[in-house]
Amino acid sequence: MDHGVGIFEKLQKHFGLVDQRTVLLELAKGKLTSDEVRHSGEGIFFTSRMFDEFTIRSGNLFYRKQRNDDWGWLIETEDYVEHYQGTVVTMRISTNADWTTQQVFEKFTIQDDDGGNPPFVKTHVPIFLGKYGSEQLVSHSQAKRVLARFDRFQEVFLDFTNVPTIGQPFADEIFRVFQNQHPEIRIIATSTTPEVEKMIAHVKGQSGGLLPSKG
């Protein structure tokens, strides 16, 4: 716990982001830091996956992630939590936890041939963090918000949990435009509804076929 400016406000100002909720989207991807000389930006990404429960509260935003639910969820309402000046982070883990930190790292890294430190090249992106409030994910601009910094990874899992539908421009920007520009990046859609799958298949068909999504 600290009583500074708050993690979301600090990162919003540092990166010039329009909304503090976008900070959560970027933190979920990993490799986000305001001080690249001293920090890799991997701490929250991996730590939140090592514990049974990980939460961050700052301002009017509350982010909670459970180990068994890789997408996490966000609360943003003054009726639910009083505005908190600063940042509170909580981490909870069972005393009989049977996983290791190495297992968590291996899920998102690729082992070097020389046996050195494996690079962090895979990420998991909860798509629902790309929308604000009750808005639907329909536009090119929303897709570009989600796509920011994808070029730092080799494999991106797009988790569509809690996203029942998407618009054609949104799907087109990710699965046709971006994928054609970056064929070296593997994009895998997960937890998709039939409606989302149909839209992804539609835009992929216009591009001659890309990587298959996984429900």
C-alpha atoms as a PDB file:
ATOM      1  CA  MET A   1       0.000   0.000   0.000  1.00  0.00           C
ATOM      2  CA  ASP A   2       1.190   3.516  -0.750  1.00  0.00           C
ATOM      3  CA  HIS A   3      -0.381   6.960  -0.905  1.00  0.00           C
ATOM      4  CA  GLY A   4       1.257   8.397  -4.010  1.00  0.00           C
ATOM      5  CA  VAL A   5      -0.367   9.542  -7.245  1.00  0.00           C
ATOM      6  CA  GLY A   6      -1.554   5.999  -8.026  1.00  0.00           C
ATOM      7  CA  ILE A   7      -0.315   3.425 -10.527  1.00  0.00           C
ATOM      8  CA  PHE A   8      -3.028   3.979 -13.130  1.00  0.00           C
ATOM      9  CA  GLU A   9      -2.759   7.768 -13.120  1.00  0.00           C
ATOM     10  CA  LYS A  10       1.048   7.651 -13.223  1.00  0.00           C
ATOM     11  CA  LEU A  11       1.197   5.299 -16.198  1.00  0.00           C
ATOM     12  CA  GLN A  12      -1.623   7.115 -17.985  1.00  0.00           C
ATOM     13  CA  LYS A  13       0.307  10.390 -17.860  1.00  0.00           C
ATOM     14  CA  HIS A  14       3.671   8.782 -18.666  1.00  0.00           C
ATOM     15  CA  PHE A  15       2.418   7.052 -21.828  1.00  0.00           C
ATOM     16  CA  GLY A  16      -0.096   9.731 -22.811  1.00  0.00           C
ATOM     17  CA  LEU A  17      -3.056   7.356 -22.702  1.00  0.00           C
ATOM     18  CA  VAL A  18      -6.567   8.724 -23.114  1.00  0.00           C
ATOM     19  CA  ASP A  19      -8.126   6.704 -20.294  1.00  0.00           C
ATOM     20  CA  GLN A  20      -6.793   5.022 -17.153  1.00  0.00           C
ATOM     21  CA  ARG A  21      -8.596   1.824 -18.107  1.00  0.00           C
ATOM     22  CA  THR A  22      -6.216   1.538 -21.041  1.00  0.00           C
ATOM     23  CA  VAL A  23      -3.408   1.165 -18.491  1.00  0.00           C
ATOM     24  CA  LEU A  24      -4.966  -2.109 -17.326  1.00  0.00           C
ATOM     25  CA  LEU A  25      -5.111  -3.359 -20.899  1.00  0.00           C
ATOM     26  CA  GLU A  26      -1.417  -2.587 -21.350  1.00  0.00           C
ATOM     27  CA  LEU A  27      -0.441  -4.081 -17.985  1.00  0.00           C
ATOM     28  CA  ALA A  28      -2.296  -7.254 -18.931  1.00  0.00           C
ATOM     29  CA  LYS A  29      -0.101  -7.607 -22.039  1.00  0.00           C
ATOM     30  CA  GLY A  30       3.148  -7.253 -20.101  1.00  0.00           C
ATOM     31  CA  LYS A  31       6.404  -5.491 -21.011  1.00  0.00           C
ATOM     32  CA  LEU A  32       5.007  -2.155 -19.819  1.00  0.00           C
ATOM     33  CA  THR A  33       7.287   0.045 -17.715  1.00  0.00           C
ATOM     34  CA  SER A  34       7.850   3.750 -17.161  1.00  0.00           C
ATOM     35  CA  ASP A  35      11.540   3.100 -16.433  1.00  0.00           C
ATOM     36  CA  GLU A  36      13.031   0.678 -18.970  1.00  0.00           C
ATOM     37  CA  VAL A  37      16.550   1.148 -17.574  1.00  0.00           C
ATOM     38  CA  ARG A  38      15.579  -0.311 -14.185  1.00  0.00           C
ATOM     39  CA  HIS A  39      12.524  -2.460 -14.910  1.00  0.00           C
ATOM     40  CA  SER A  40      11.558  -4.962 -17.600  1.00  0.00           C
ATOM     41  CA  GLY A  41       7.812  -4.408 -17.281  1.00  0.00           C
ATOM     42  CA  GLU A  42       7.245  -8.111 -16.595  1.00  0.00           C
ATOM     43  CA  GLY A  43       6.612  -7.970 -12.841  1.00  0.00           C
ATOM     44  CA  ILE A  44       2.838  -7.522 -12.696  1.00  0.00           C
ATOM     45  CA  PHE A  45       2.283  -9.828 -15.672  1.00  0.00           C
ATOM     46  CA  PHE A  46       4.016 -12.797 -14.067  1.00  0.00           C
ATOM     47  CA  THR A  47       3.249 -12.047 -10.412  1.00  0.00           C
ATOM     48  CA  SER A  48      -0.497 -11.864 -11.090  1.00  0.00           C
ATOM     49  CA  ARG A  49      -0.274 -15.380 -12.561  1.00  0.00           C
ATOM     50  CA  MET A  50       1.689 -16.890  -9.680  1.00  0.00           C
ATOM     51  CA  PHE A  51      -0.887 -16.213  -6.986  1.00  0.00           C
ATOM     52  CA  ASP A  52      -4.372 -17.604  -6.407  1.00  0.00           C
ATOM     53  CA  GLU A  53      -5.640 -14.030  -6.330  1.00  0.00           C
ATOM     54  CA  PHE A  54      -4.038 -10.738  -7.311  1.00  0.00           C
ATOM     55  CA  THR A  55      -5.715  -7.320  -7.000  1.00  0.00           C
ATOM     56  CA  ILE A  56      -4.834  -3.707  -7.689  1.00  0.00           C
ATOM     57  CA  ARG A  57      -6.921  -0.800  -6.400  1.00  0.00           C
ATOM     58  CA  SER A  58      -6.171   2.798  -7.308  1.00  0.00           C
ATOM     59  CA  GLY A  59      -8.445   5.784  -7.824  1.00  0.00           C
ATOM     60  CA  ASN A  60     -11.845   4.372  -8.805  1.00  0.00           C
ATOM     61  CA  LEU A  61     -10.429   1.320 -10.582  1.00  0.00           C
ATOM     62  CA  PHE A  62     -10.264  -2.132  -9.044  1.00  0.00           C
ATOM     63  CA  TYR A  63      -8.637  -5.016 -10.926  1.00  0.00           C
ATOM     64  CA  ARG A  64      -8.889  -8.571  -9.667  1.00  0.00           C
ATOM     65  CA  LYS A  65      -7.261 -11.596 -11.248  1.00  0.00           C
ATOM     66  CA  GLN A  66      -7.644 -15.196 -10.162  1.00  0.00           C
ATOM     67  CA  ARG A  67      -5.166 -17.814 -11.270  1.00  0.00           C
ATOM     68  CA  ASN A  68      -7.836 -20.078 -12.743  1.00  0.00           C
ATOM     69  CA  ASP A  69      -9.450 -17.205 -14.685  1.00  0.00           C
ATOM     70  CA  ASP A  70      -6.828 -15.786 -17.023  1.00  0.00           C
ATOM     71  CA  TRP A  71      -8.881 -12.789 -18.087  1.00  0.00           C
ATOM     72  CA  GLY A  72      -9.473 -11.072 -14.735  1.00  0.00           C
ATOM     73  CA  TRP A  73     -12.091  -8.373 -14.291  1.00  0.00           C
ATOM     74  CA  LEU A  74     -12.397  -4.655 -13.723  1.00  0.00           C
ATOM     75  CA  ILE A  75     -14.687  -2.605 -11.512  1.00  0.00           C
ATOM     76  CA  GLU A  76     -14.993   1.100 -12.180  1.00  0.00           C
ATOM     77  CA  THR A  77     -17.744   2.729 -10.173  1.00  0.00           C
ATOM     78  CA  GLU A  78     -17.742   5.287  -7.408  1.00  0.00           C
ATOM     79  CA  ASP A  79     -20.707   3.471  -5.856  1.00  0.00           C
ATOM     80  CA  TYR A  80     -18.629   0.334  -5.331  1.00  0.00           C
ATOM     81  CA  VAL A  81     -15.365   1.691  -3.961  1.00  0.00           C
ATOM     82  CA  GLU A  82     -14.442   5.053  -2.533  1.00  0.00           C
ATOM     83  CA  HIS A  83     -11.787   6.912  -4.514  1.00  0.00           C
ATOM     84  CA  TYR A  84      -8.427   5.728  -3.198  1.00  0.00           C
ATOM     85  CA  GLN A  85      -5.471   8.102  -3.281  1.00  0.00           C
ATOM     86  CA  GLY A  86      -2.499   5.872  -4.057  1.00  0.00           C
ATOM     87  CA  THR A  87      -2.263   2.171  -4.798  1.00  0.00           C
ATOM     88  CA  VAL A  88      -3.168  -1.005  -2.901  1.00  0.00           C
ATOM     89  CA  VAL A  89      -1.908  -4.376  -4.157  1.00  0.00           C
ATOM     90  CA  THR A  90      -2.979  -7.650  -2.552  1.00  0.00           C
ATOM     91  CA  MET A  91      -1.658 -11.126  -3.313  1.00  0.00           C
ATOM     92  CA  ARG A  92      -3.063 -14.357  -1.895  1.00  0.00           C
ATOM     93  CA  ILE A  93      -1.792 -17.907  -2.306  1.00  0.00           C
ATOM     94  CA  SER A  94      -2.784 -21.226  -0.761  1.00  0.00           C
ATOM     95  CA  THR A  95      -0.330 -22.859   1.603  1.00  0.00           C
ATOM     96  CA  ASN A  96      -0.668 -26.074  -0.420  1.00  0.00           C
ATOM     97  CA  ALA A  97      -0.049 -24.493  -3.844  1.00  0.00           C
ATOM     98  CA  ASP A  98       1.660 -27.103  -6.022  1.00  0.00           C
ATOM     99  CA  TRP A  99       2.810 -25.029  -9.010  1.00  0.00           C
ATOM    100  CA  THR A 100       6.211 -23.426  -9.443  1.00  0.00           C
ATOM    101  CA  THR A 101       7.366 -20.061 -10.710  1.00  0.00           C
ATOM    102  CA  GLN A 102       9.222 -21.912 -13.456  1.00  0.00           C
ATOM    103  CA  GLN A 103       5.948 -23.408 -14.726  1.00  0.00           C
ATOM    104  CA  VAL A 104       4.415 -19.934 -14.897  1.00  0.00           C
ATOM    105  CA  PHE A 105       7.393 -18.541 -16.832  1.00  0.00           C
ATOM    106  CA  GLU A 106       7.479 -21.448 -19.270  1.00  0.00           C
ATOM    107  CA  LYS A 107       3.893 -20.788 -20.337  1.00  0.00           C
ATOM    108  CA  PHE A 108       4.873 -17.428 -21.847  1.00  0.00           C
ATOM    109  CA  THR A 109       8.501 -17.951 -22.879  1.00  0.00           C
ATOM    110  CA  ILE A 110      10.508 -19.909 -25.436  1.00  0.00           C
ATOM    111  CA  GLN A 111      13.698 -21.645 -24.367  1.00  0.00           C
ATOM    112  CA  ASP A 112      16.848 -20.399 -26.112  1.00  0.00           C
ATOM    113  CA  ASP A 113      18.900 -22.981 -28.000  1.00  0.00           C
ATOM    114  CA  ASP A 114      21.932 -22.079 -25.891  1.00  0.00           C
ATOM    115  CA  GLY A 115      20.024 -22.720 -22.666  1.00  0.00           C
ATOM    116  CA  GLY A 116      20.123 -19.072 -21.577  1.00  0.00           C
ATOM    117  CA  ASN A 117      17.310 -17.038 -20.098  1.00  0.00           C
ATOM    118  CA  PRO A 118      14.183 -17.711 -22.191  1.00  0.00           C
ATOM    119  CA  PRO A 119      12.666 -14.597 -23.792  1.00  0.00           C
ATOM    120  CA  PHE A 120       9.170 -13.417 -22.848  1.00  0.00           C
ATOM    121  CA  VAL A 121       7.485 -13.707 -26.266  1.00  0.00           C
ATOM    122  CA  LYS A 122       3.930 -14.899 -25.560  1.00  0.00           C
ATOM    123  CA  THR A 123       1.119 -12.870 -24.048  1.00  0.00           C
ATOM    124  CA  HIS A 124      -2.512 -13.245 -23.081  1.00  0.00           C
ATOM    125  CA  VAL A 125      -4.829 -10.283 -23.740  1.00  0.00           C
ATOM    126  CA  PRO A 126      -8.318 -10.045 -22.164  1.00  0.00           C
ATOM    127  CA  ILE A 127     -10.225  -8.337 -24.982  1.00  0.00           C
ATOM    128  CA  PHE A 128     -12.913  -6.996 -22.650  1.00  0.00           C
ATOM    129  CA  LEU A 129     -10.356  -4.555 -21.219  1.00  0.00           C
ATOM    130  CA  GLY A 130     -10.299  -2.901 -24.646  1.00  0.00           C
ATOM    131  CA  LYS A 131     -13.771  -1.438 -24.202  1.00  0.00           C
ATOM    132  CA  TYR A 132     -14.934   1.378 -21.968  1.00  0.00           C
ATOM    133  CA  GLY A 133     -18.109   0.944 -19.946  1.00  0.00           C
ATOM    134  CA  SER A 134     -20.981  -0.577 -21.919  1.00  0.00           C
ATOM    135  CA  GLU A 135     -19.593   0.204 -25.381  1.00  0.00           C
ATOM    136  CA  GLN A 136     -19.313  -2.576 -27.961  1.00  0.00           C
ATOM    137  CA  LEU A 137     -16.086  -3.482 -29.763  1.00  0.00           C
ATOM    138  CA  VAL A 138     -16.960  -2.396 -33.283  1.00  0.00           C
ATOM    139  CA  SER A 139     -14.414   0.094 -34.651  1.00  0.00           C
ATOM    140  CA  HIS A 140     -10.943   0.209 -36.187  1.00  0.00           C
ATOM    141  CA  SER A 141      -9.821   2.626 -33.455  1.00  0.00           C
ATOM    142  CA  GLN A 142     -10.830   0.201 -30.688  1.00  0.00           C
ATOM    143  CA  ALA A 143      -8.920  -2.574 -32.438  1.00  0.00           C
ATOM    144  CA  LYS A 144      -5.820  -0.384 -32.671  1.00  0.00           C
ATOM    145  CA  ARG A 145      -6.129   0.212 -28.924  1.00  0.00           C
ATOM    146  CA  VAL A 146      -5.998  -3.552 -28.388  1.00  0.00           C
ATOM    147  CA  LEU A 147      -3.180  -4.035 -30.933  1.00  0.00           C
ATOM    148  CA  ALA A 148      -0.774  -1.568 -29.310  1.00  0.00           C
ATOM    149  CA  ARG A 149       2.657  -3.162 -28.689  1.00  0.00           C
ATOM    150  CA  PHE A 150       1.719  -6.531 -30.227  1.00  0.00           C
ATOM    151  CA  ASP A 151       4.914  -6.247 -32.267  1.00  0.00           C
ATOM    152  CA  ARG A 152       6.883  -7.041 -29.091  1.00  0.00           C
ATOM    153  CA  PHE A 153       5.570 -10.594 -29.052  1.00  0.00           C
ATOM    154  CA  GLN A 154       5.713 -13.684 -31.242  1.00  0.00           C
ATOM    155  CA  GLU A 155       2.437 -15.193 -30.072  1.00  0.00           C
ATOM    156  CA  VAL A 156      -0.685 -13.402 -28.808  1.00  0.00           C
ATOM    157  CA  PHE A 157      -3.704 -15.134 -27.278  1.00  0.00           C
ATOM    158  CA  LEU A 158      -6.783 -12.913 -27.613  1.00  0.00           C
ATOM    159  CA  ASP A 159      -9.243 -13.940 -24.906  1.00  0.00           C
ATOM    160  CA  PHE A 160     -12.838 -13.059 -25.855  1.00  0.00           C
ATOM    161  CA  THR A 161     -14.345 -14.006 -22.493  1.00  0.00           C
ATOM    162  CA  ASN A 162     -17.289 -11.656 -21.743  1.00  0.00           C
ATOM    163  CA  VAL A 163     -17.270 -10.350 -25.325  1.00  0.00           C
ATOM    164  CA  PRO A 164     -20.392 -11.769 -27.037  1.00  0.00           C
ATOM    165  CA  THR A 165     -20.035  -9.924 -30.362  1.00  0.00           C
ATOM    166  CA  ILE A 166     -17.579  -7.757 -32.307  1.00  0.00           C
ATOM    167  CA  GLY A 167     -18.017  -5.449 -35.279  1.00  0.00           C
ATOM    168  CA  GLN A 168     -16.634  -6.091 -38.762  1.00  0.00           C
ATOM    169  CA  PRO A 169     -14.202  -3.105 -38.644  1.00  0.00           C
ATOM    170  CA  PHE A 170     -12.825  -4.299 -35.288  1.00  0.00           C
ATOM    171  CA  ALA A 171     -12.266  -7.841 -36.531  1.00  0.00           C
ATOM    172  CA  ASP A 172     -10.899  -6.637 -39.871  1.00  0.00           C
ATOM    173  CA  GLU A 173      -8.255  -4.435 -38.259  1.00  0.00           C
ATOM    174  CA  ILE A 174      -6.909  -7.308 -36.159  1.00  0.00           C
ATOM    175  CA  PHE A 175      -7.364 -10.456 -38.217  1.00  0.00           C
ATOM    176  CA  ARG A 176      -6.801  -9.080 -41.720  1.00  0.00           C
ATOM    177  CA  VAL A 177      -5.008  -5.710 -41.725  1.00  0.00           C
ATOM    178  CA  PHE A 178      -2.626  -6.251 -38.794  1.00  0.00           C
ATOM    179  CA  GLN A 179      -2.095  -9.953 -39.481  1.00  0.00           C
ATOM    180  CA  ASN A 180      -1.199  -9.302 -43.121  1.00  0.00           C
ATOM    181  CA  GLN A 181       1.262  -6.616 -42.026  1.00  0.00           C
ATOM    182  CA  HIS A 182       2.784  -8.885 -39.351  1.00  0.00           C
ATOM    183  CA  PRO A 183       2.636 -12.486 -40.609  1.00  0.00           C
ATOM    184  CA  GLU A 184       5.436 -13.426 -38.182  1.00  0.00           C
ATOM    185  CA  ILE A 185       3.123 -12.814 -35.189  1.00  0.00           C
ATOM    186  CA  ARG A 186       0.771 -15.679 -34.373  1.00  0.00           C
ATOM    187  CA  ILE A 187      -2.648 -14.430 -33.215  1.00  0.00           C
ATOM    188  CA  ILE A 188      -4.929 -16.998 -31.595  1.00  0.00           C
ATOM    189  CA  ALA A 189      -8.517 -16.174 -30.608  1.00  0.00           C
ATOM    190  CA  THR A 190      -9.805 -18.067 -27.558  1.00  0.00           C
ATOM    191  CA  SER A 191     -13.106 -18.315 -25.650  1.00  0.00           C
ATOM    192  CA  THR A 192     -15.043 -17.013 -28.643  1.00  0.00           C
ATOM    193  CA  THR A 193     -18.831 -17.111 -29.034  1.00  0.00           C
ATOM    194  CA  PRO A 194     -20.315 -18.409 -32.313  1.00  0.00           C
ATOM    195  CA  GLU A 195     -21.047 -14.791 -33.306  1.00  0.00           C
ATOM    196  CA  VAL A 196     -17.428 -13.747 -32.760  1.00  0.00           C
ATOM    197  CA  GLU A 197     -16.156 -16.820 -34.613  1.00  0.00           C
ATOM    198  CA  LYS A 198     -18.348 -16.011 -37.617  1.00  0.00           C
ATOM    199  CA  MET A 199     -17.062 -12.444 -37.798  1.00  0.00           C
ATOM    200  CA  ILE A 200     -13.425 -13.556 -37.530  1.00  0.00           C
ATOM    201  CA  ALA A 201     -13.976 -16.190 -40.216  1.00  0.00           C
ATOM    202  CA  HIS A 202     -15.618 -13.566 -42.428  1.00  0.00           C
ATOM    203  CA  VAL A 203     -12.657 -11.149 -42.376  1.00  0.00           C
ATOM    204  CA  LYS A 204     -10.129 -13.979 -42.642  1.00  0.00           C
ATOM    205  CA  GLY A 205     -11.956 -15.181 -45.752  1.00  0.00           C
ATOM    206  CA  GLN A 206     -11.445 -11.773 -47.322  1.00  0.00           C
ATOM    207  CA  SER A 207      -7.679 -12.101 -46.808  1.00  0.00           C
ATOM    208  CA  GLY A 208      -7.357 -15.576 -48.268  1.00  0.00           C
ATOM    209  CA  GLY A 209      -7.232 -17.347 -44.916  1.00  0.00           C
ATOM    210  CA  LEU A 210      -5.083 -16.797 -41.843  1.00  0.00           C
ATOM    211  CA  LEU A 211      -4.350 -18.715 -38.671  1.00  0.00           C
ATOM    212  CA  PRO A 212      -7.337 -20.586 -37.264  1.00  0.00           C
ATOM    213  CA  SER A 213      -8.954 -19.373 -34.078  1.00  0.00           C
ATOM    214  CA  LYS A 214      -9.542 -21.628 -31.110  1.00  0.00           C
ATOM    215  CA  GLY A 215     -12.791 -21.549 -29.149  1.00  0.00           C
END
